PDB file of N, CA and C in Angstrom:
ATOM      1  N   UNK A   1       0.832  -1.199   0.000  1.00  0.00           N
ATOM      2  CA  UNK A   1       0.000   0.000   0.000  1.00  0.00           C
ATOM      3  C   UNK A   1       0.873   1.258   0.000  1.00  0.00           C
ATOM      4  N   UNK A   2       1.984   1.202   0.713  1.00  0.00           N
ATOM      5  CA  UNK A   2       2.876   2.352   0.773  1.00  0.00           C
ATOM      6  C   UNK A   2       3.448   2.668  -0.615  1.00  0.00           C
ATOM      7  N   UNK A   3       3.757   1.610  -1.370  1.00  0.00           N
ATOM      8  CA  UNK A   3       4.274   1.802  -2.725  1.00  0.00           C
ATOM      9  C   UNK A   3       3.227   2.492  -3.600  1.00  0.00           C
ATOM     10  N   UNK A   4       1.977   2.065  -3.476  1.00  0.00           N
ATOM     11  CA  UNK A   4       0.896   2.673  -4.249  1.00  0.00           C
ATOM     12  C   UNK A   4       0.757   4.150  -3.922  1.00  0.00           C
ATOM     13  N   UNK A   5       0.805   4.489  -2.640  1.00  0.00           N
ATOM     14  CA  UNK A   5       0.693   5.894  -2.242  1.00  0.00           C
ATOM     15  C   UNK A   5       1.902   6.696  -2.721  1.00  0.00           C
ATOM     16  N   UNK A   6       3.077   6.079  -2.740  1.00  0.00           N
ATOM     17  CA  UNK A   6       4.261   6.757  -3.250  1.00  0.00           C
ATOM     18  C   UNK A   6       4.124   7.014  -4.745  1.00  0.00           C
ATOM     19  N   UNK A   7       3.655   6.014  -5.476  1.00  0.00           N
ATOM     20  CA  UNK A   7       3.479   6.155  -6.927  1.00  0.00           C
ATOM     21  C   UNK A   7       2.466   7.233  -7.277  1.00  0.00           C
ATOM     22  N   UNK A   8       1.409   7.347  -6.490  1.00  0.00           N
ATOM     23  CA  UNK A   8       0.305   8.265  -6.797  1.00  0.00           C
ATOM     24  C   UNK A   8       0.320   9.521  -5.931  1.00  0.00           C
ATOM     25  N   UNK A   9       1.416   9.754  -5.223  1.00  0.00           N
ATOM     26  CA  UNK A   9       1.499  10.874  -4.292  1.00  0.00           C
ATOM     27  C   UNK A   9       1.238  12.236  -4.906  1.00  0.00           C
ATOM     28  N   UNK A  10       1.590  12.427  -6.155  1.00  0.00           N
ATOM     29  CA  UNK A  10       1.389  13.719  -6.799  1.00  0.00           C
ATOM     30  C   UNK A  10       0.054  13.863  -7.505  1.00  0.00           C
ATOM     31  N   UNK A  11      -0.746  12.808  -7.510  1.00  0.00           N
ATOM     32  CA  UNK A  11      -2.038  12.850  -8.184  1.00  0.00           C
ATOM     33  C   UNK A  11      -3.053  13.622  -7.351  1.00  0.00           C
ATOM     34  N   UNK A  12      -3.926  14.341  -8.034  1.00  0.00           N
ATOM     35  CA  UNK A  12      -5.029  15.046  -7.378  1.00  0.00           C
ATOM     36  C   UNK A  12      -6.345  14.351  -7.628  1.00  0.00           C
ATOM     37  N   UNK A  13      -6.369  13.395  -8.543  1.00  0.00           N
ATOM     38  CA  UNK A  13      -7.582  12.667  -8.868  1.00  0.00           C
ATOM     39  C   UNK A  13      -7.385  11.887 -10.153  1.00  0.00           C
ATOM     40  N   UNK A  14      -8.438  11.187 -10.558  1.00  0.00           N
ATOM     41  CA  UNK A  14      -8.427  10.373 -11.759  1.00  0.00           C
ATOM     42  C   UNK A  14      -9.571  10.794 -12.666  1.00  0.00           C
ATOM     43  N   UNK A  15      -9.403  10.553 -13.946  1.00  0.00           N
ATOM     44  CA  UNK A  15     -10.468  10.785 -14.914  1.00  0.00           C
ATOM     45  C   UNK A  15     -10.711   9.482 -15.660  1.00  0.00           C
ATOM     46  N   UNK A  16     -11.947   9.028 -15.685  1.00  0.00           N
ATOM     47  CA  UNK A  16     -12.347   7.852 -16.447  1.00  0.00           C
ATOM     48  C   UNK A  16     -13.085   8.349 -17.676  1.00  0.00           C
ATOM     49  N   UNK A  17     -12.624   7.941 -18.847  1.00  0.00           N
ATOM     50  CA  UNK A  17     -13.251   8.376 -20.095  1.00  0.00           C
ATOM     51  C   UNK A  17     -14.148   7.261 -20.609  1.00  0.00           C
ATOM     52  N   UNK A  18     -15.447   7.537 -20.667  1.00  0.00           N
ATOM     53  CA  UNK A  18     -16.411   6.555 -21.203  1.00  0.00           C
ATOM     54  C   UNK A  18     -16.257   6.491 -22.720  1.00  0.00           C
ATOM     55  N   UNK A  19     -15.873   5.319 -23.205  1.00  0.00           N
ATOM     56  CA  UNK A  19     -15.657   5.152 -24.640  1.00  0.00           C
ATOM     57  C   UNK A  19     -16.628   4.167 -25.270  1.00  0.00           C
ATOM     58  N   UNK A  20     -17.450   3.503 -24.451  1.00  0.00           N
ATOM     59  CA  UNK A  20     -18.354   2.496 -24.979  1.00  0.00           C
ATOM     60  C   UNK A  20     -17.701   1.128 -25.127  1.00  0.00           C
ATOM     61  N   UNK A  21     -16.539   0.956 -24.551  1.00  0.00           N
ATOM     62  CA  UNK A  21     -15.838  -0.330 -24.609  1.00  0.00           C
ATOM     63  C   UNK A  21     -16.716  -1.414 -23.998  1.00  0.00           C
ATOM     64  N   UNK A  22     -16.681  -2.643 -24.532  1.00  0.00           N
ATOM     65  CA  UNK A  22     -17.537  -3.718 -24.019  1.00  0.00           C
ATOM     66  C   UNK A  22     -17.364  -4.003 -22.512  1.00  0.00           C
ATOM     67  N   UNK A  23     -16.169  -3.771 -21.963  1.00  0.00           N
ATOM     68  CA  UNK A  23     -15.950  -4.025 -20.531  1.00  0.00           C
ATOM     69  C   UNK A  23     -15.918  -2.729 -19.717  1.00  0.00           C
ATOM     70  N   UNK A  24     -16.587  -1.705 -20.230  1.00  0.00           N
ATOM     71  CA  UNK A  24     -16.569  -0.405 -19.583  1.00  0.00           C
ATOM     72  C   UNK A  24     -17.075  -0.443 -18.143  1.00  0.00           C
ATOM     73  N   UNK A  25     -18.183  -1.167 -17.886  1.00  0.00           N
ATOM     74  CA  UNK A  25     -18.736  -1.223 -16.525  1.00  0.00           C
ATOM     75  C   UNK A  25     -17.730  -1.803 -15.537  1.00  0.00           C
ATOM     76  N   UNK A  26     -17.068  -2.876 -15.947  1.00  0.00           N
ATOM     77  CA  UNK A  26     -16.069  -3.510 -15.087  1.00  0.00           C
ATOM     78  C   UNK A  26     -14.893  -2.565 -14.830  1.00  0.00           C
ATOM     79  N   UNK A  27     -14.416  -1.899 -15.872  1.00  0.00           N
ATOM     80  CA  UNK A  27     -13.280  -0.978 -15.724  1.00  0.00           C
ATOM     81  C   UNK A  27     -13.656   0.231 -14.875  1.00  0.00           C
ATOM     82  N   UNK A  28     -14.874   0.708 -15.003  1.00  0.00           N
ATOM     83  CA  UNK A  28     -15.320   1.828 -14.184  1.00  0.00           C
ATOM     84  C   UNK A  28     -15.382   1.412 -12.720  1.00  0.00           C
ATOM     85  N   UNK A  29     -15.840   0.204 -12.467  1.00  0.00           N
ATOM     86  CA  UNK A  29     -15.864  -0.322 -11.105  1.00  0.00           C
ATOM     87  C   UNK A  29     -14.430  -0.393 -10.539  1.00  0.00           C
ATOM     88  N   UNK A  30     -13.487  -0.864 -11.368  1.00  0.00           N
ATOM     89  CA  UNK A  30     -12.073  -0.902 -10.958  1.00  0.00           C
ATOM     90  C   UNK A  30     -11.555   0.492 -10.643  1.00  0.00           C
ATOM     91  N   UNK A  31     -11.912   1.468 -11.469  1.00  0.00           N
ATOM     92  CA  UNK A  31     -11.462   2.843 -11.267  1.00  0.00           C
ATOM     93  C   UNK A  31     -12.005   3.410  -9.960  1.00  0.00           C
ATOM     94  N   UNK A  32     -13.277   3.126  -9.670  1.00  0.00           N
ATOM     95  CA  UNK A  32     -13.868   3.576  -8.402  1.00  0.00           C
ATOM     96  C   UNK A  32     -13.153   2.938  -7.212  1.00  0.00           C
ATOM     97  N   UNK A  33     -12.841   1.648  -7.324  1.00  0.00           N
ATOM     98  CA  UNK A  33     -12.145   0.950  -6.240  1.00  0.00           C
ATOM     99  C   UNK A  33     -10.774   1.562  -5.985  1.00  0.00           C
ATOM    100  N   UNK A  34     -10.020   1.828  -7.057  1.00  0.00           N
ATOM    101  CA  UNK A  34      -8.694   2.423  -6.904  1.00  0.00           C
ATOM    102  C   UNK A  34      -8.789   3.820  -6.300  1.00  0.00           C
ATOM    103  N   UNK A  35      -9.695   4.640  -6.821  1.00  0.00           N
ATOM    104  CA  UNK A  35      -9.856   6.001  -6.300  1.00  0.00           C
ATOM    105  C   UNK A  35     -10.225   5.973  -4.815  1.00  0.00           C
ATOM    106  N   UNK A  36     -11.091   5.057  -4.447  1.00  0.00           N
ATOM    107  CA  UNK A  36     -11.493   4.931  -3.044  1.00  0.00           C
ATOM    108  C   UNK A  36     -10.321   4.473  -2.180  1.00  0.00           C
ATOM    109  N   UNK A  37      -9.561   3.528  -2.695  1.00  0.00           N
ATOM    110  CA  UNK A  37      -8.426   2.976  -1.961  1.00  0.00           C
ATOM    111  C   UNK A  37      -7.396   4.042  -1.627  1.00  0.00           C
ATOM    112  N   UNK A  38      -7.119   4.922  -2.568  1.00  0.00           N
ATOM    113  CA  UNK A  38      -6.104   5.962  -2.353  1.00  0.00           C
ATOM    114  C   UNK A  38      -6.718   7.309  -1.975  1.00  0.00           C
ATOM    115  N   UNK A  39      -8.036   7.308  -1.767  1.00  0.00           N
ATOM    116  CA  UNK A  39      -8.776   8.494  -1.310  1.00  0.00           C
ATOM    117  C   UNK A  39      -8.585   9.701  -2.221  1.00  0.00           C
ATOM    118  N   UNK A  40      -8.805   9.454  -3.519  1.00  0.00           N
ATOM    119  CA  UNK A  40      -8.752  10.526  -4.518  1.00  0.00           C
ATOM    120  C   UNK A  40     -10.065  10.559  -5.281  1.00  0.00           C
ATOM    121  N   UNK A  41     -10.455  11.744  -5.746  1.00  0.00           N
ATOM    122  CA  UNK A  41     -11.701  11.830  -6.501  1.00  0.00           C
ATOM    123  C   UNK A  41     -11.572  11.186  -7.879  1.00  0.00           C
ATOM    124  N   UNK A  42     -12.699  10.712  -8.390  1.00  0.00           N
ATOM    125  CA  UNK A  42     -12.775  10.138  -9.723  1.00  0.00           C
ATOM    126  C   UNK A  42     -13.812  10.915 -10.509  1.00  0.00           C
ATOM    127  N   UNK A  43     -13.397  11.483 -11.632  1.00  0.00           N
ATOM    128  CA  UNK A  43     -14.305  12.194 -12.526  1.00  0.00           C
ATOM    129  C   UNK A  43     -14.589  11.284 -13.716  1.00  0.00           C
ATOM    130  N   UNK A  44     -15.843  11.173 -14.098  1.00  0.00           N
ATOM    131  CA  UNK A  44     -16.234  10.357 -15.243  1.00  0.00           C
ATOM    132  C   UNK A  44     -16.721  11.293 -16.339  1.00  0.00           C
ATOM    133  N   UNK A  45     -16.103  11.179 -17.527  1.00  0.00           N
ATOM    134  CA  UNK A  45     -16.466  12.052 -18.645  1.00  0.00           C
ATOM    135  C   UNK A  45     -16.788  11.214 -19.873  1.00  0.00           C
ATOM    136  N   UNK A  46     -17.609  11.756 -20.737  1.00  0.00           N
ATOM    137  CA  UNK A  46     -17.940  11.096 -21.994  1.00  0.00           C
ATOM    138  C   UNK A  46     -16.839  11.382 -23.013  1.00  0.00           C
ATOM    139  N   UNK A  47     -16.480  10.374 -23.767  1.00  0.00           N
ATOM    140  CA  UNK A  47     -15.461  10.535 -24.802  1.00  0.00           C
ATOM    141  C   UNK A  47     -16.012  11.339 -25.963  1.00  0.00           C
ATOM    142  N   UNK A  48     -15.168  12.140 -26.526  1.00  0.00           N
ATOM    143  CA  UNK A  48     -15.467  12.801 -27.791  1.00  0.00           C
ATOM    144  C   UNK A  48     -14.547  12.166 -28.819  1.00  0.00           C
ATOM    145  N   UNK A  49     -15.136  11.432 -29.731  1.00  0.00           N
ATOM    146  CA  UNK A  49     -14.357  10.647 -30.691  1.00  0.00           C
ATOM    147  C   UNK A  49     -13.283  11.473 -31.398  1.00  0.00           C
ATOM    148  N   UNK A  50     -13.644  12.659 -31.860  1.00  0.00           N
ATOM    149  CA  UNK A  50     -12.674  13.463 -32.595  1.00  0.00           C
ATOM    150  C   UNK A  50     -11.484  13.857 -31.728  1.00  0.00           C
ATOM    151  N   UNK A  51     -11.721  14.136 -30.448  1.00  0.00           N
ATOM    152  CA  UNK A  51     -10.608  14.504 -29.568  1.00  0.00           C
ATOM    153  C   UNK A  51      -9.709  13.298 -29.293  1.00  0.00           C
ATOM    154  N   UNK A  52     -10.306  12.133 -29.087  1.00  0.00           N
ATOM    155  CA  UNK A  52      -9.498  10.927 -28.868  1.00  0.00           C
ATOM    156  C   UNK A  52      -8.664  10.604 -30.109  1.00  0.00           C
ATOM    157  N   UNK A  53      -9.255  10.751 -31.288  1.00  0.00           N
ATOM    158  CA  UNK A  53      -8.510  10.496 -32.521  1.00  0.00           C
ATOM    159  C   UNK A  53      -7.349  11.474 -32.658  1.00  0.00           C
ATOM    160  N   UNK A  54      -7.572  12.737 -32.320  1.00  0.00           N
ATOM    161  CA  UNK A  54      -6.488  13.723 -32.390  1.00  0.00           C
ATOM    162  C   UNK A  54      -5.422  13.447 -31.343  1.00  0.00           C
ATOM    163  N   UNK A  55      -5.832  12.971 -30.168  1.00  0.00           N
ATOM    164  CA  UNK A  55      -4.862  12.635 -29.127  1.00  0.00           C
ATOM    165  C   UNK A  55      -3.907  11.544 -29.611  1.00  0.00           C
ATOM    166  N   UNK A  56      -4.450  10.565 -30.310  1.00  0.00           N
ATOM    167  CA  UNK A  56      -3.644   9.443 -30.793  1.00  0.00           C
ATOM    168  C   UNK A  56      -2.898   9.792 -32.083  1.00  0.00           C
ATOM    169  N   UNK A  57      -3.589  10.424 -33.035  1.00  0.00           N
ATOM    170  CA  UNK A  57      -3.031  10.599 -34.372  1.00  0.00           C
ATOM    171  C   UNK A  57      -2.601  12.029 -34.723  1.00  0.00           C
ATOM    172  N   UNK A  58      -2.983  13.025 -33.890  1.00  0.00           N
ATOM    173  CA  UNK A  58      -2.686  14.403 -34.233  1.00  0.00           C
ATOM    174  C   UNK A  58      -3.743  14.939 -35.185  1.00  0.00           C
ATOM    175  N   UNK A  59      -3.652  16.160 -35.633  1.00  0.00           N
ATOM    176  CA  UNK A  59      -2.587  17.097 -35.299  1.00  0.00           C
ATOM    177  C   UNK A  59      -2.755  17.681 -33.893  1.00  0.00           C
ATOM    178  N   UNK A  60      -1.635  18.023 -33.278  1.00  0.00           N
ATOM    179  CA  UNK A  60      -1.634  18.624 -31.952  1.00  0.00           C
ATOM    180  C   UNK A  60      -1.333  20.096 -32.150  1.00  0.00           C
ATOM    181  N   UNK A  61      -2.394  20.890 -32.242  1.00  0.00           N
ATOM    182  CA  UNK A  61      -2.272  22.276 -32.675  1.00  0.00           C
ATOM    183  C   UNK A  61      -1.861  23.265 -31.603  1.00  0.00           C
ATOM    184  N   UNK A  62      -1.722  22.868 -30.363  1.00  0.00           N
ATOM    185  CA  UNK A  62      -1.329  23.808 -29.323  1.00  0.00           C
ATOM    186  C   UNK A  62      -2.506  24.491 -28.656  1.00  0.00           C
ATOM    187  N   UNK A  63      -3.703  24.414 -29.244  1.00  0.00           N
ATOM    188  CA  UNK A  63      -4.876  25.005 -28.603  1.00  0.00           C
ATOM    189  C   UNK A  63      -5.421  24.089 -27.527  1.00  0.00           C
ATOM    190  N   UNK A  64      -5.428  22.783 -27.784  1.00  0.00           N
ATOM    191  CA  UNK A  64      -5.963  21.815 -26.830  1.00  0.00           C
ATOM    192  C   UNK A  64      -4.895  20.894 -26.259  1.00  0.00           C
ATOM    193  N   UNK A  65      -3.716  20.898 -26.844  1.00  0.00           N
ATOM    194  CA  UNK A  65      -2.653  19.995 -26.414  1.00  0.00           C
ATOM    195  C   UNK A  65      -1.389  20.794 -26.136  1.00  0.00           C
ATOM    196  N   UNK A  66      -0.758  20.513 -24.997  1.00  0.00           N
ATOM    197  CA  UNK A  66       0.530  21.133 -24.710  1.00  0.00           C
ATOM    198  C   UNK A  66       1.584  20.510 -25.599  1.00  0.00           C
ATOM    199  N   UNK A  67       2.475  21.326 -26.109  1.00  0.00           N
ATOM    200  CA  UNK A  67       3.575  20.832 -26.924  1.00  0.00           C
ATOM    201  C   UNK A  67       4.874  21.208 -26.226  1.00  0.00           C
ATOM    202  N   UNK A  68       5.440  20.249 -25.514  1.00  0.00           N
ATOM    203  CA  UNK A  68       6.665  20.465 -24.757  1.00  0.00           C
ATOM    204  C   UNK A  68       7.784  19.701 -25.462  1.00  0.00           C
ATOM    205  N   UNK A  69       8.853  20.371 -25.848  1.00  0.00           N
ATOM    206  CA  UNK A  69       9.951  19.680 -26.520  1.00  0.00           C
ATOM    207  C   UNK A  69      10.542  18.579 -25.634  1.00  0.00           C
ATOM    208  N   UNK A  70      11.030  17.527 -26.279  1.00  0.00           N
ATOM    209  CA  UNK A  70      11.641  16.415 -25.567  1.00  0.00           C
ATOM    210  C   UNK A  70      12.774  16.938 -24.689  1.00  0.00           C
ATOM    211  N   UNK A  71      12.778  16.503 -23.431  1.00  0.00           N
ATOM    212  CA  UNK A  71      13.827  16.894 -22.496  1.00  0.00           C
ATOM    213  C   UNK A  71      13.560  18.174 -21.735  1.00  0.00           C
ATOM    214  N   UNK A  72      12.565  18.954 -22.136  1.00  0.00           N
ATOM    215  CA  UNK A  72      12.243  20.205 -21.449  1.00  0.00           C
ATOM    216  C   UNK A  72      11.444  19.913 -20.188  1.00  0.00           C
ATOM    217  N   UNK A  73      11.626  20.734 -19.176  1.00  0.00           N
ATOM    218  CA  UNK A  73      10.842  20.617 -17.954  1.00  0.00           C
ATOM    219  C   UNK A  73       9.491  21.280 -18.160  1.00  0.00           C
ATOM    220  N   UNK A  74       8.446  20.665 -17.645  1.00  0.00           N
ATOM    221  CA  UNK A  74       7.110  21.256 -17.728  1.00  0.00           C
ATOM    222  C   UNK A  74       6.994  22.284 -16.623  1.00  0.00           C
ATOM    223  N   UNK A  75       6.555  23.473 -16.982  1.00  0.00           N
ATOM    224  CA  UNK A  75       6.438  24.557 -16.019  1.00  0.00           C
ATOM    225  C   UNK A  75       4.995  25.024 -15.919  1.00  0.00           C
ATOM    226  N   UNK A  76       4.714  25.784 -14.883  1.00  0.00           N
ATOM    227  CA  UNK A  76       3.382  26.361 -14.718  1.00  0.00           C
ATOM    228  C   UNK A  76       3.043  27.244 -15.904  1.00  0.00           C
ATOM    229  N   UNK A  77       4.043  27.897 -16.480  1.00  0.00           N
ATOM    230  CA  UNK A  77       3.815  28.792 -17.612  1.00  0.00           C
ATOM    231  C   UNK A  77       3.271  28.043 -18.828  1.00  0.00           C
ATOM    232  N   UNK A  78       3.536  26.755 -18.913  1.00  0.00           N
ATOM    233  CA  UNK A  78       3.049  25.966 -20.049  1.00  0.00           C
ATOM    234  C   UNK A  78       1.529  25.904 -20.078  1.00  0.00           C
ATOM    235  N   UNK A  79       0.888  26.132 -18.943  1.00  0.00           N
ATOM    236  CA  UNK A  79      -0.562  26.039 -18.845  1.00  0.00           C
ATOM    237  C   UNK A  79      -1.240  27.395 -18.985  1.00  0.00           C
ATOM    238  N   UNK A  80      -0.455  28.436 -19.206  1.00  0.00           N
ATOM    239  CA  UNK A  80      -0.982  29.790 -19.352  1.00  0.00           C
ATOM    240  C   UNK A  80      -0.948  30.193 -20.822  1.00  0.00           C
ATOM    241  N   UNK A  81      -1.750  31.205 -21.216  1.00  0.00           N
ATOM    242  CA  UNK A  81      -1.686  31.677 -22.602  1.00  0.00           C
ATOM    243  C   UNK A  81      -0.287  32.190 -22.928  1.00  0.00           C
ATOM    244  N   UNK A  82       0.149  31.976 -24.138  1.00  0.00           N
ATOM    245  CA  UNK A  82       1.472  32.431 -24.559  1.00  0.00           C
ATOM    246  C   UNK A  82       2.457  31.291 -24.597  1.00  0.00           C
ATOM    247  N   UNK A  83       3.718  31.580 -24.957  1.00  0.00           N
ATOM    248  CA  UNK A  83       4.727  30.521 -25.083  1.00  0.00           C
ATOM    249  C   UNK A  83       5.092  29.916 -23.738  1.00  0.00           C
ATOM    250  N   UNK A  84       5.406  28.619 -23.746  1.00  0.00           N
ATOM    251  CA  UNK A  84       5.805  27.912 -22.522  1.00  0.00           C
ATOM    252  C   UNK A  84       7.187  28.396 -22.086  1.00  0.00           C
ATOM    253  N   UNK A  85       7.417  28.331 -20.794  1.00  0.00           N
ATOM    254  CA  UNK A  85       8.696  28.732 -20.222  1.00  0.00           C
ATOM    255  C   UNK A  85       9.293  27.564 -19.482  1.00  0.00           C
ATOM    256  N   UNK A  86      10.614  27.505 -19.452  1.00  0.00           N
ATOM    257  CA  UNK A  86      11.284  26.449 -18.686  1.00  0.00           C
ATOM    258  C   UNK A  86      11.946  27.037 -17.438  1.00  0.00           C
ATOM    259  N   UNK A  87      11.687  28.300 -17.141  1.00  0.00           N
ATOM    260  CA  UNK A  87      12.342  28.955 -16.019  1.00  0.00           C
ATOM    261  C   UNK A  87      11.771  28.586 -14.666  1.00  0.00           C
ATOM    262  N   UNK A  88      10.468  28.370 -14.571  1.00  0.00           N
ATOM    263  CA  UNK A  88       9.827  28.098 -13.308  1.00  0.00           C
ATOM    264  C   UNK A  88       9.271  26.670 -13.331  1.00  0.00           C
ATOM    265  N   UNK A  89       9.923  25.743 -12.622  1.00  0.00           N
ATOM    266  CA  UNK A  89       9.445  24.352 -12.661  1.00  0.00           C
ATOM    267  C   UNK A  89       8.017  24.224 -12.136  1.00  0.00           C
ATOM    268  N   UNK A  90       7.206  23.441 -12.835  1.00  0.00           N
ATOM    269  CA  UNK A  90       5.837  23.178 -12.389  1.00  0.00           C
ATOM    270  C   UNK A  90       5.854  22.259 -11.178  1.00  0.00           C
ATOM    271  N   UNK A  91       6.720  21.269 -11.220  1.00  0.00           N
ATOM    272  CA  UNK A  91       6.864  20.330 -10.112  1.00  0.00           C
ATOM    273  C   UNK A  91       8.314  20.357  -9.678  1.00  0.00           C
ATOM    274  N   UNK A  92       8.548  20.743  -8.462  1.00  0.00           N
ATOM    275  CA  UNK A  92       9.928  20.798  -7.960  1.00  0.00           C
ATOM    276  C   UNK A  92      10.293  19.518  -7.260  1.00  0.00           C
TER     277      UNK A  92
END
């Protein structure tokens, strides 16, 4: 249990995306069990096919997806309007 809490220590919650998968009910039950076990909230959202397709295949236009160069640190500035910055670490 300690390992699980260490692995998920930085998490604020989970998101379950309803995709209509044949085993969706079982997986949602698993997600609720995990969220309860580690005492984190679980948000359930409906999938938008076009967004899932773009997540997998692109294009990643920068309006809905962060584009961080390989090796760059993710900063709080990356989540604000304008160009991302590497000066202020998001997670220290």
